[in-house]
């Protein structure tokens, strides 16, 4: 997925270098490259963020429940 993002930024960079002014080039790079790509990566990364958050919550829940199940022994021996 990241190779496609890098390729897209390269294409947009080449497009922006052919603009008539540097302001138009910066605008082209920002509005055709960075903004849509960041939105795309944020949307595509949503499932991974949800999985990571659920795994973190599950590990916190097990960490909270472990001392009550072990009768207060913290070293596990």
C-alpha atoms as a PDB file:
ATOM      1  CA  UNK A   1       0.000   0.000   0.000  1.00  0.00           C
ATOM      2  CA  UNK A   2       2.826   2.391   0.798  1.00  0.00           C
ATOM      3  CA  UNK A   3       4.462   1.851  -2.592  1.00  0.00           C
ATOM      4  CA  UNK A   4       1.283   3.142  -4.243  1.00  0.00           C
ATOM      5  CA  UNK A   5       1.282   6.180  -1.946  1.00  0.00           C
ATOM      6  CA  UNK A   6       4.918   6.933  -2.761  1.00  0.00           C
ATOM      7  CA  UNK A   7       4.240   6.526  -6.479  1.00  0.00           C
ATOM      8  CA  UNK A   8       1.243   8.851  -6.265  1.00  0.00           C
ATOM      9  CA  UNK A   9       3.307  11.513  -4.500  1.00  0.00           C
ATOM     10  CA  UNK A  10       5.988  11.163  -7.174  1.00  0.00           C
ATOM     11  CA  UNK A  11       3.464  11.677  -9.975  1.00  0.00           C
ATOM     12  CA  UNK A  12       1.946  14.682  -8.233  1.00  0.00           C
ATOM     13  CA  UNK A  13       5.408  16.116  -7.590  1.00  0.00           C
ATOM     14  CA  UNK A  14       6.191  15.861 -11.304  1.00  0.00           C
ATOM     15  CA  UNK A  15       2.851  17.530 -12.081  1.00  0.00           C
ATOM     16  CA  UNK A  16       3.580  20.348  -9.663  1.00  0.00           C
ATOM     17  CA  UNK A  17       7.013  20.958 -11.159  1.00  0.00           C
ATOM     18  CA  UNK A  18       5.416  21.701 -14.528  1.00  0.00           C
ATOM     19  CA  UNK A  19       3.116  24.426 -13.186  1.00  0.00           C
ATOM     20  CA  UNK A  20       3.558  28.018 -14.348  1.00  0.00           C
ATOM     21  CA  UNK A  21       4.299  29.459 -10.890  1.00  0.00           C
ATOM     22  CA  UNK A  22       5.634  28.120  -7.643  1.00  0.00           C
ATOM     23  CA  UNK A  23       2.376  28.977  -5.875  1.00  0.00           C
ATOM     24  CA  UNK A  24       0.431  26.862  -8.359  1.00  0.00           C
ATOM     25  CA  UNK A  25       2.988  24.086  -7.900  1.00  0.00           C
ATOM     26  CA  UNK A  26       2.594  24.116  -4.138  1.00  0.00           C
ATOM     27  CA  UNK A  27      -1.183  24.193  -4.503  1.00  0.00           C
ATOM     28  CA  UNK A  28      -1.115  21.286  -6.931  1.00  0.00           C
ATOM     29  CA  UNK A  29       1.096  19.239  -4.631  1.00  0.00           C
ATOM     30  CA  UNK A  30      -1.016  20.023  -1.571  1.00  0.00           C
ATOM     31  CA  UNK A  31      -4.493  19.620  -3.080  1.00  0.00           C
ATOM     32  CA  UNK A  32      -3.825  16.781  -5.565  1.00  0.00           C
ATOM     33  CA  UNK A  33      -1.217  14.952  -3.535  1.00  0.00           C
ATOM     34  CA  UNK A  34      -0.975  15.398   0.192  1.00  0.00           C
ATOM     35  CA  UNK A  35      -4.611  16.083   1.114  1.00  0.00           C
ATOM     36  CA  UNK A  36      -6.250  13.202  -0.795  1.00  0.00           C
ATOM     37  CA  UNK A  37      -3.467  10.793   0.099  1.00  0.00           C
ATOM     38  CA  UNK A  38      -3.674  11.561   3.802  1.00  0.00           C
ATOM     39  CA  UNK A  39      -7.458  11.094   3.712  1.00  0.00           C
ATOM     40  CA  UNK A  40      -7.057   7.796   1.843  1.00  0.00           C
ATOM     41  CA  UNK A  41      -4.434   6.470   4.258  1.00  0.00           C
ATOM     42  CA  UNK A  42      -6.565   7.498   7.252  1.00  0.00           C
ATOM     43  CA  UNK A  43      -9.629   5.683   5.861  1.00  0.00           C
ATOM     44  CA  UNK A  44      -7.683   2.567   4.869  1.00  0.00           C
ATOM     45  CA  UNK A  45      -5.905   2.493   8.240  1.00  0.00           C
ATOM     46  CA  UNK A  46      -9.145   2.534  10.259  1.00  0.00           C
ATOM     47  CA  UNK A  47      -9.487  -1.253  10.641  1.00  0.00           C
ATOM     48  CA  UNK A  48      -5.913  -1.572  11.874  1.00  0.00           C
ATOM     49  CA  UNK A  49      -6.439   1.208  14.415  1.00  0.00           C
ATOM     50  CA  UNK A  50      -9.611  -0.496  15.676  1.00  0.00           C
ATOM     51  CA  UNK A  51      -7.824  -3.847  16.029  1.00  0.00           C
ATOM     52  CA  UNK A  52      -4.922  -2.211  17.864  1.00  0.00           C
ATOM     53  CA  UNK A  53      -7.275  -0.380  20.239  1.00  0.00           C
ATOM     54  CA  UNK A  54      -9.261  -3.548  20.995  1.00  0.00           C
ATOM     55  CA  UNK A  55      -6.058  -5.508  21.631  1.00  0.00           C
ATOM     56  CA  UNK A  56      -4.802  -2.795  23.964  1.00  0.00           C
ATOM     57  CA  UNK A  57      -8.105  -2.720  25.853  1.00  0.00           C
ATOM     58  CA  UNK A  58      -8.067  -6.509  26.142  1.00  0.00           C
ATOM     59  CA  UNK A  59      -4.533  -6.497  27.514  1.00  0.00           C
ATOM     60  CA  UNK A  60      -5.485  -3.799  30.025  1.00  0.00           C
ATOM     61  CA  UNK A  61      -8.528  -5.810  31.103  1.00  0.00           C
ATOM     62  CA  UNK A  62      -6.426  -8.933  31.628  1.00  0.00           C
ATOM     63  CA  UNK A  63      -3.835  -6.916  33.531  1.00  0.00           C
ATOM     64  CA  UNK A  64      -6.550  -5.579  35.847  1.00  0.00           C
ATOM     65  CA  UNK A  65      -8.114  -9.013  36.356  1.00  0.00           C
ATOM     66  CA  UNK A  66      -4.836 -10.913  36.932  1.00  0.00           C
ATOM     67  CA  UNK A  67      -4.148  -9.800  40.538  1.00  0.00           C
ATOM     68  CA  UNK A  68      -7.665 -10.762  41.671  1.00  0.00           C
ATOM     69  CA  UNK A  69      -7.348 -14.241  40.199  1.00  0.00           C
ATOM     70  CA  UNK A  70      -3.881 -14.820  41.655  1.00  0.00           C
ATOM     71  CA  UNK A  71      -4.889 -13.925  45.234  1.00  0.00           C
ATOM     72  CA  UNK A  72      -2.522 -10.974  45.416  1.00  0.00           C
ATOM     73  CA  UNK A  73       0.716 -12.729  44.411  1.00  0.00           C
ATOM     74  CA  UNK A  74       2.404 -10.402  41.943  1.00  0.00           C
ATOM     75  CA  UNK A  75       5.497 -12.433  40.989  1.00  0.00           C
ATOM     76  CA  UNK A  76       3.540 -15.358  39.555  1.00  0.00           C
ATOM     77  CA  UNK A  77       5.548 -18.024  41.424  1.00  0.00           C
END
